[in-house]
Amino acid sequence: MTTITDLPVEIIDKFADDFAKVQDLCNARLTCRLFGNIFRHRVFKTIVLDFSDLKNVPRLIELANGPSDIHFYARTLKIRCLAPAGSGFVLQIRFEARGTWGYPQGSMQSDIHRALRTITRYLPNGLRHFHHLENVSWRTTGIDMNCMYAPIMDLLCSQENLYKIHIDMASDLRVPYPDFSRLSKLTEFSVVFPRRHIPSGPLFRGVAQALTNSPGLTSLRLEIQPNPTHPDLIEFDHVYESIRSLCNLEALSLIIPTITSLNEFAVFDNMARLTTLELHPTNHTNGWDEVWKYLRDRQIHLKVIAFNIVFMEMNFIDYLKSYSGAEELRLSNNEKLWVDDSIDRTALGIAFFEVVEEKHWDSILVLETSFHLKLDPWRSVKRSYANFPNLEIMSPM
């Protein structure tokens, strides 16, 4: 018997409803019960479970108590506080359960607490209706909703087709922490760790295990909040060791305290396929020379490079000279400060532009730099960029 999961996405798009609220899901469940197997499964492009509206709480109970063989399909799941509906197939679970946010004026505190108890009791049972998720974006909310971590992890681990996860813990997090070590077989993984006052050691170990469980990972983004405690940083060493084993990685984005750890753990040892590198240390740090020298010696030719231009030295220019084909150079400098004021920025900038023109003239698509100079020799070099054949974005300099 052909099921909905056997159909191509293009066909599913033809009969998928664009938008559904909690009441629509309850109505769909009732339709399934009345007409039997012919309406056993329903597909929606966007599903919003918005519990900032107290009226939706009893509807959640109705949904959770529905038959277990009625399934709602969505290829993307978003579990967030305040998120606009995305494109494609999206399931969006929207939590606004802290304090009185999102509730009508004059809502009684007892009503809010009663709603919270209902949500945390019935939402896990409601999640069982959703199957074959591929892409999950989850923003934790911490206070009052931490009891949802385990049910959500159960949902994620039950999805056989799940390949992409983004987890944002920057807002808040409470114990018991989500057990990320259960995640596996991912190809794209992005994690924003919580703020400094929240111990992150167990989270680092869990993410490290998830990386080990996902040898086919092609894209990784990790962001550590500024100034983590020293014991937590020691635990992050497990993450570096796991990154080193990812031989299929094509895109790596790291917002970390220092660059030196990348060299200490030989993170780039097995990254012959790496084409995108974004590095943003939160502390001014050494170690950049070793990074560019290593990439040059291993002939790792990056197409996309992003870092703060204040860390640019001649070793980066030498790396750009070693190959052709760079497509995006995003070199920011929001602080308008330089690590070493003794650097001749004019000479460095002219050398940079000359090597881009010489080696990457016909491949460069995006060029964002910020030297903050107004010298005549500098302006004359910049003018030549108007002739690049494929340049799409060039930031004001």
Protein backbone atom coordinates (compact mmCIF):
# COMPACT_ATOMS: atom_id res chain seq x y z
CA MET A 1 0.00 0.00 0.00
CA THR A 2 1.35 3.41 -0.97
CA THR A 3 1.70 5.83 1.94
CA ILE A 4 2.20 9.57 1.97
CA THR A 5 5.91 9.14 2.65
CA ASP A 6 6.30 7.34 -0.70
CA LEU A 7 5.16 10.39 -2.67
CA PRO A 8 7.61 12.97 -4.07
CA VAL A 9 7.68 16.30 -2.28
CA GLU A 10 6.48 18.06 -5.45
CA ILE A 11 3.27 16.02 -5.41
CA ILE A 12 2.75 16.52 -1.69
CA ASP A 13 3.06 20.28 -2.28
CA LYS A 14 0.02 20.15 -4.57
CA PHE A 15 -2.39 19.06 -1.87
CA ALA A 16 -0.71 20.38 1.26
CA ASP A 17 -2.62 23.04 3.15
CA ASP A 18 -0.62 26.22 3.57
CA PHE A 19 -1.36 27.00 7.20
CA ALA A 20 -2.90 25.33 10.23
CA LYS A 21 -3.51 26.39 13.82
CA VAL A 22 -4.25 24.14 16.76
CA GLN A 23 -7.98 24.22 16.04
CA ASP A 24 -7.31 23.21 12.42
CA LEU A 25 -5.38 20.18 13.62
CA CYS A 26 -8.22 19.19 15.89
CA ASN A 27 -10.68 19.54 12.99
CA ALA A 28 -8.39 17.49 10.76
CA ARG A 29 -8.22 14.79 13.41
CA LEU A 30 -12.01 14.72 13.59
CA THR A 31 -12.20 14.41 9.78
CA CYS A 32 -9.82 11.46 9.93
CA ARG A 33 -12.03 9.72 12.47
CA LEU A 34 -15.17 10.25 10.40
CA PHE A 35 -13.82 9.15 7.03
CA GLY A 36 -11.35 6.47 8.05
CA ASN A 37 -8.11 5.59 6.31
CA ILE A 38 -8.61 7.79 3.26
CA PHE A 39 -7.91 10.85 5.43
CA ARG A 40 -5.62 9.10 7.89
CA HIS A 41 -2.66 11.44 7.17
CA ARG A 42 -2.63 15.21 6.73
CA VAL A 43 0.12 17.43 5.36
CA PHE A 44 0.54 21.11 6.17
CA LYS A 45 3.22 23.50 4.94
CA THR A 46 3.13 25.46 8.17
CA ILE A 47 1.79 24.34 11.53
CA VAL A 48 1.77 26.79 14.42
CA LEU A 49 1.08 25.59 17.94
CA ASP A 50 0.80 28.95 19.65
CA PHE A 51 0.23 28.61 23.38
CA SER A 52 0.61 32.32 24.07
CA ASP A 53 -3.15 32.32 23.49
CA LEU A 54 -4.80 30.71 26.50
CA LYS A 55 -7.68 29.50 24.31
CA ASN A 56 -5.33 27.05 22.64
CA VAL A 57 -4.57 25.17 25.86
CA PRO A 58 -7.78 23.07 25.96
CA ARG A 59 -7.36 22.42 22.22
CA LEU A 60 -3.95 20.95 22.97
CA ILE A 61 -5.63 18.44 25.29
CA GLU A 62 -8.02 17.51 22.50
CA LEU A 63 -5.14 17.07 20.07
CA ALA A 64 -3.05 15.04 22.50
CA ASN A 65 -5.94 12.66 23.18
CA GLY A 66 -6.45 11.95 19.48
CA PRO A 67 -5.88 8.53 17.89
CA SER A 68 -2.20 7.62 17.63
CA ASP A 69 -2.55 6.40 14.03
CA ILE A 70 -3.41 9.87 12.72
CA HIS A 71 -0.24 11.60 11.57
CA PHE A 72 0.51 15.20 10.66
CA TYR A 73 3.49 15.54 8.31
CA ALA A 74 5.99 18.37 8.08
CA ARG A 75 9.53 18.25 6.74
CA THR A 76 10.78 21.04 9.00
CA LEU A 77 10.15 21.51 12.70
CA LYS A 78 10.77 24.81 14.48
CA ILE A 79 10.54 24.88 18.27
CA ARG A 80 11.02 28.52 19.18
CA CYS A 81 9.78 31.41 21.27
CA LEU A 82 9.13 34.01 18.61
CA ALA A 83 9.72 32.82 15.08
CA PRO A 84 8.15 33.82 11.78
CA ALA A 85 6.81 31.03 9.63
CA GLY A 86 9.52 29.83 7.29
CA SER A 87 9.30 28.61 3.73
CA GLY A 88 8.62 25.07 2.67
CA PHE A 89 7.17 22.51 5.05
CA VAL A 90 7.37 23.91 8.57
CA LEU A 91 6.09 22.77 11.92
CA GLN A 92 6.52 25.59 14.39
CA ILE A 93 5.98 25.09 18.10
CA ARG A 94 5.83 28.48 19.70
CA PHE A 95 6.45 28.84 23.43
CA GLU A 96 5.63 32.13 25.14
CA ALA A 97 5.15 30.84 28.63
CA ARG A 98 7.45 33.02 30.73
CA GLY A 99 5.80 35.59 32.97
CA THR A 100 2.90 37.27 31.20
CA TRP A 101 4.50 37.57 27.76
CA GLY A 102 1.95 37.18 25.02
CA TYR A 103 -1.01 36.81 27.35
CA PRO A 104 -3.97 39.20 27.34
CA GLN A 105 -3.83 42.17 29.65
CA GLY A 106 -5.14 41.28 33.07
CA SER A 107 -4.42 37.55 32.82
CA MET A 108 -4.31 36.03 36.26
CA GLN A 109 -1.03 34.42 37.35
CA SER A 110 -3.00 31.32 38.30
CA ASP A 111 -4.31 31.07 34.71
CA ILE A 112 -0.79 31.20 33.36
CA HIS A 113 0.50 28.54 35.74
CA ARG A 114 -2.47 26.34 34.92
CA ALA A 115 -1.73 26.76 31.23
CA LEU A 116 1.91 25.85 31.82
CA ARG A 117 0.95 22.70 33.68
CA THR A 118 -1.39 21.72 30.86
CA ILE A 119 1.20 22.35 28.16
CA THR A 120 3.93 20.38 29.90
CA ARG A 121 1.53 17.52 30.57
CA TYR A 122 -0.09 17.15 27.17
CA LEU A 123 2.43 18.47 24.64
CA PRO A 124 4.62 15.30 24.65
CA ASN A 125 1.57 13.27 23.66
CA GLY A 126 0.69 15.82 20.99
CA LEU A 127 4.17 15.58 19.46
CA ARG A 128 3.64 11.91 18.63
CA HIS A 129 1.50 12.92 15.64
CA PHE A 130 4.49 14.32 13.75
CA HIS A 131 6.65 12.09 11.56
CA HIS A 132 9.44 12.18 8.97
CA LEU A 133 10.98 15.47 10.05
CA GLU A 134 14.16 16.45 8.22
CA ASN A 135 15.12 19.87 9.60
CA VAL A 136 14.74 21.06 13.20
CA SER A 137 15.33 24.52 14.65
CA TRP A 138 14.97 24.58 18.43
CA ARG A 139 15.36 27.58 20.69
CA THR A 140 15.30 26.73 24.39
CA THR A 141 13.42 29.01 26.75
CA GLY A 142 14.68 27.81 30.11
CA ILE A 143 12.40 28.97 32.91
CA ASP A 144 9.15 27.03 33.27
CA MET A 145 9.66 24.98 30.12
CA ASN A 146 12.76 22.93 30.99
CA CYS A 147 10.62 19.84 31.58
CA MET A 148 10.05 19.77 27.81
CA TYR A 149 13.69 18.99 26.99
CA ALA A 150 13.36 15.22 27.36
CA PRO A 151 10.12 14.89 25.30
CA ILE A 152 11.59 17.04 22.54
CA MET A 153 14.77 14.97 22.52
CA ASP A 154 12.60 11.85 22.31
CA LEU A 155 10.87 13.37 19.29
CA LEU A 156 14.18 14.21 17.58
CA CYS A 157 15.69 10.80 18.20
CA SER A 158 12.61 9.07 16.78
CA GLN A 159 12.95 10.76 13.37
CA GLU A 160 14.75 8.49 10.91
CA ASN A 161 15.08 11.19 8.22
CA LEU A 162 16.35 13.99 10.46
CA TYR A 163 19.59 15.35 9.01
CA LYS A 164 19.76 19.03 10.04
CA ILE A 165 19.47 20.50 13.56
CA HIS A 166 19.97 24.04 14.85
CA ILE A 167 19.84 24.47 18.65
CA ASP A 168 19.95 27.95 20.19
CA MET A 169 20.46 27.96 23.97
CA ALA A 170 21.57 31.59 24.21
CA SER A 171 18.33 32.80 25.82
CA ASP A 172 18.36 30.48 28.80
CA LEU A 173 18.66 26.90 29.97
CA ARG A 174 17.80 25.01 33.14
CA VAL A 175 18.68 21.61 34.53
CA PRO A 176 18.20 18.84 33.72
CA TYR A 177 19.96 19.67 30.46
CA PRO A 178 18.96 18.13 27.13
CA ASP A 179 21.00 15.00 26.40
CA PHE A 180 22.54 15.85 23.03
CA SER A 181 24.70 12.72 23.11
CA ARG A 182 21.65 10.83 21.79
CA LEU A 183 21.76 12.65 18.45
CA SER A 184 23.32 10.81 15.52
CA LYS A 185 23.61 10.55 11.72
CA LEU A 186 23.41 14.32 11.18
CA THR A 187 24.82 16.09 8.13
CA GLU A 188 24.26 19.69 9.33
CA PHE A 189 24.58 20.71 12.99
CA SER A 190 24.51 24.16 14.58
CA VAL A 191 24.67 24.92 18.32
CA VAL A 192 24.63 28.21 20.23
CA PHE A 193 25.69 27.47 23.80
CA PRO A 194 24.13 29.25 26.81
CA ARG A 195 25.38 32.32 28.59
CA ARG A 196 28.41 32.40 30.85
CA HIS A 197 26.59 31.91 34.17
CA ILE A 198 25.20 28.53 33.07
CA PRO A 199 27.67 25.61 33.46
CA SER A 200 28.18 24.21 29.98
CA GLY A 201 30.49 21.28 30.65
CA PRO A 202 27.79 18.58 30.28
CA LEU A 203 26.50 20.29 27.12
CA PHE A 204 29.99 20.32 25.60
CA ARG A 205 30.40 16.60 26.29
CA GLY A 206 26.97 15.85 24.80
CA VAL A 207 27.69 17.82 21.62
CA ALA A 208 31.09 16.12 21.31
CA GLN A 209 29.38 12.72 21.41
CA ALA A 210 26.78 13.84 18.85
CA LEU A 211 29.65 14.78 16.51
CA THR A 212 31.24 11.38 17.03
CA ASN A 213 27.87 9.79 16.26
CA SER A 214 27.67 11.75 12.96
CA PRO A 215 30.74 10.86 10.86
CA GLY A 216 28.95 12.07 7.72
CA LEU A 217 28.62 15.65 9.01
CA THR A 218 29.27 18.20 6.25
CA SER A 219 28.39 21.48 8.00
CA LEU A 220 29.12 22.49 11.61
CA ARG A 221 28.56 25.77 13.44
CA LEU A 222 29.37 26.22 17.14
CA GLU A 223 29.08 29.44 19.14
CA ILE A 224 30.39 29.82 22.69
CA GLN A 225 29.29 32.88 24.64
CA PRO A 226 32.13 35.22 25.69
CA ASN A 227 34.26 34.43 28.75
CA PRO A 228 33.18 30.90 29.71
CA THR A 229 34.54 29.54 32.98
CA HIS A 230 37.87 27.73 32.90
CA PRO A 231 36.46 24.30 33.90
CA ASP A 232 33.95 24.53 31.05
CA LEU A 233 36.70 25.35 28.55
CA ILE A 234 38.55 22.19 29.56
CA GLU A 235 35.39 20.22 28.75
CA PHE A 236 35.27 21.86 25.32
CA ASP A 237 38.49 20.02 24.50
CA HIS A 238 36.27 16.97 23.86
CA VAL A 239 34.53 18.96 21.11
CA TYR A 240 37.85 19.81 19.41
CA GLU A 241 38.81 16.12 19.45
CA SER A 242 35.48 15.17 17.86
CA ILE A 243 35.78 17.87 15.17
CA ARG A 244 39.17 16.50 14.19
CA SER A 245 37.55 13.18 13.22
CA LEU A 246 35.06 14.78 10.77
CA CYS A 247 36.72 13.94 7.46
CA ASN A 248 33.61 14.85 5.39
CA LEU A 249 33.28 18.39 6.75
CA GLU A 250 32.84 21.04 4.06
CA ALA A 251 31.76 24.08 6.14
CA LEU A 252 33.06 25.01 9.60
CA SER A 253 31.97 28.07 11.58
CA LEU A 254 33.38 28.61 15.07
CA ILE A 255 32.80 31.44 17.53
CA ILE A 256 35.22 30.39 20.27
CA PRO A 257 37.46 32.08 22.87
CA THR A 258 40.82 31.51 21.13
CA ILE A 259 42.32 30.16 17.91
CA THR A 260 45.30 28.48 19.57
CA SER A 261 43.23 25.44 20.59
CA LEU A 262 42.54 24.65 16.93
CA ASN A 263 46.27 24.25 16.39
CA GLU A 264 46.88 22.37 19.65
CA PHE A 265 44.30 19.73 18.74
CA ALA A 266 45.20 19.65 15.03
CA VAL A 267 41.53 20.25 14.22
CA PHE A 268 42.16 20.63 10.48
CA ASP A 269 44.06 17.34 10.12
CA ASN A 270 41.35 15.45 8.23
CA MET A 271 39.54 18.30 6.47
CA ALA A 272 40.62 17.85 2.88
CA ARG A 273 37.06 18.67 1.74
CA LEU A 274 36.75 21.95 3.67
CA THR A 275 35.60 24.83 1.45
CA THR A 276 34.03 27.25 3.96
CA LEU A 277 35.75 28.55 7.10
CA GLU A 278 34.39 31.17 9.49
CA LEU A 279 36.46 31.93 12.60
CA HIS A 280 35.54 34.55 15.19
CA PRO A 281 37.50 34.34 18.47
CA THR A 282 35.87 36.27 21.29
CA ASN A 283 39.28 37.17 22.75
CA HIS A 284 42.19 38.72 20.86
CA THR A 285 44.42 35.75 20.27
CA ASN A 286 47.49 34.39 18.58
CA GLY A 287 47.55 31.36 16.35
CA TRP A 288 46.35 32.79 13.05
CA ASP A 289 49.72 32.34 11.33
CA GLU A 290 49.64 28.62 12.10
CA VAL A 291 46.11 28.28 10.69
CA TRP A 292 46.94 29.87 7.33
CA LYS A 293 50.27 28.05 7.06
CA TYR A 294 48.59 24.72 7.77
CA LEU A 295 45.86 25.30 5.18
CA ARG A 296 48.46 26.35 2.61
CA ASP A 297 50.74 23.36 3.27
CA ARG A 298 47.80 20.90 3.09
CA GLN A 299 46.49 22.56 -0.07
CA ILE A 300 43.06 23.16 1.44
CA HIS A 301 41.58 25.73 -0.95
CA LEU A 302 38.74 27.64 0.71
CA LYS A 303 35.99 29.19 -1.37
CA VAL A 304 34.40 31.12 1.54
CA ILE A 305 36.45 32.81 4.28
CA ALA A 306 35.09 34.96 7.11
CA PHE A 307 36.99 36.46 10.05
CA ASN A 308 37.70 39.80 11.70
CA ILE A 309 40.11 41.77 9.57
CA VAL A 310 42.00 42.96 12.66
CA PHE A 311 43.67 39.54 12.71
CA MET A 312 44.94 39.82 9.13
CA GLU A 313 48.69 39.43 8.63
CA MET A 314 50.91 38.66 5.67
CA ASN A 315 50.51 34.90 6.20
CA PHE A 316 46.89 35.27 5.08
CA ILE A 317 48.04 37.10 1.95
CA ASP A 318 50.50 34.26 1.29
CA TYR A 319 47.68 31.74 1.69
CA LEU A 320 45.53 33.56 -0.88
CA LYS A 321 48.51 33.50 -3.27
CA SER A 322 48.73 29.71 -3.06
CA TYR A 323 45.57 28.97 -5.08
CA SER A 324 42.76 30.41 -7.20
CA GLY A 325 38.98 30.20 -6.92
CA ALA A 326 37.94 32.05 -3.74
CA GLU A 327 34.31 33.16 -4.01
CA GLU A 328 33.51 35.00 -0.76
CA LEU A 329 35.84 37.00 1.48
CA ARG A 330 33.94 38.45 4.42
CA LEU A 331 36.46 40.36 6.53
CA SER A 332 34.62 42.46 9.10
CA ASN A 333 35.92 45.02 11.59
CA ASN A 334 32.97 46.39 13.50
CA GLU A 335 35.12 47.72 16.35
CA LYS A 336 37.33 49.78 14.00
CA LEU A 337 40.28 48.68 16.16
CA TRP A 338 43.38 46.72 15.28
CA VAL A 339 45.24 44.23 17.45
CA ASP A 340 48.58 45.75 16.50
CA ASP A 341 48.54 49.49 15.75
CA SER A 342 52.07 49.28 14.39
CA ILE A 343 50.85 47.35 11.32
CA ASP A 344 51.15 49.27 8.06
CA ARG A 345 47.51 48.87 7.08
CA THR A 346 47.99 50.64 3.77
CA ALA A 347 50.68 48.22 2.63
CA LEU A 348 48.71 45.26 3.96
CA GLY A 349 45.52 46.41 2.27
CA ILE A 350 47.15 47.03 -1.09
CA ALA A 351 48.83 43.60 -0.94
CA PHE A 352 45.45 42.04 -0.17
CA PHE A 353 43.68 43.71 -3.09
CA GLU A 354 46.52 42.88 -5.47
CA VAL A 355 46.47 39.17 -4.63
CA VAL A 356 42.69 39.01 -4.98
CA GLU A 357 42.95 40.68 -8.38
CA GLU A 358 45.80 38.40 -9.45
CA LYS A 359 44.53 35.01 -8.21
CA HIS A 360 40.76 35.31 -7.70
CA TRP A 361 39.71 37.92 -10.26
CA ASP A 362 37.15 35.81 -12.15
CA SER A 363 35.80 33.78 -9.19
CA ILE A 364 35.16 36.36 -6.48
CA LEU A 365 31.45 36.97 -5.85
CA VAL A 366 31.39 38.67 -2.44
CA LEU A 367 34.03 41.01 -1.05
CA GLU A 368 33.46 42.63 2.32
CA THR A 369 36.39 44.39 3.95
CA SER A 370 36.76 47.19 6.45
CA PHE A 371 40.22 48.73 6.68
CA HIS A 372 38.84 52.22 7.51
CA LEU A 373 41.44 54.02 5.42
CA LYS A 374 41.09 57.11 3.23
CA LEU A 375 44.53 57.34 1.67
CA ASP A 376 44.90 58.09 -2.05
CA PRO A 377 46.91 54.93 -2.89
CA TRP A 378 44.22 52.89 -1.18
CA ARG A 379 41.36 54.47 -3.14
CA SER A 380 43.12 53.91 -6.47
CA VAL A 381 43.39 50.18 -5.74
CA LYS A 382 39.73 49.95 -4.76
CA ARG A 383 38.60 51.52 -8.02
CA SER A 384 39.97 48.58 -10.00
CA TYR A 385 37.35 46.35 -8.41
CA ALA A 386 34.64 47.83 -10.57
CA ASN A 387 36.00 45.70 -13.40
CA PHE A 388 35.56 42.31 -11.71
CA PRO A 389 33.28 40.26 -13.98
CA ASN A 390 31.32 38.29 -11.38
CA LEU A 391 31.39 40.49 -8.28
CA GLU A 392 27.89 40.62 -6.75
CA ILE A 393 28.48 42.21 -3.34
CA MET A 394 31.16 44.67 -2.35
CA SER A 395 30.92 46.43 0.99
CA PRO A 396 31.71 50.15 1.36
CA MET A 397 35.32 50.56 2.40
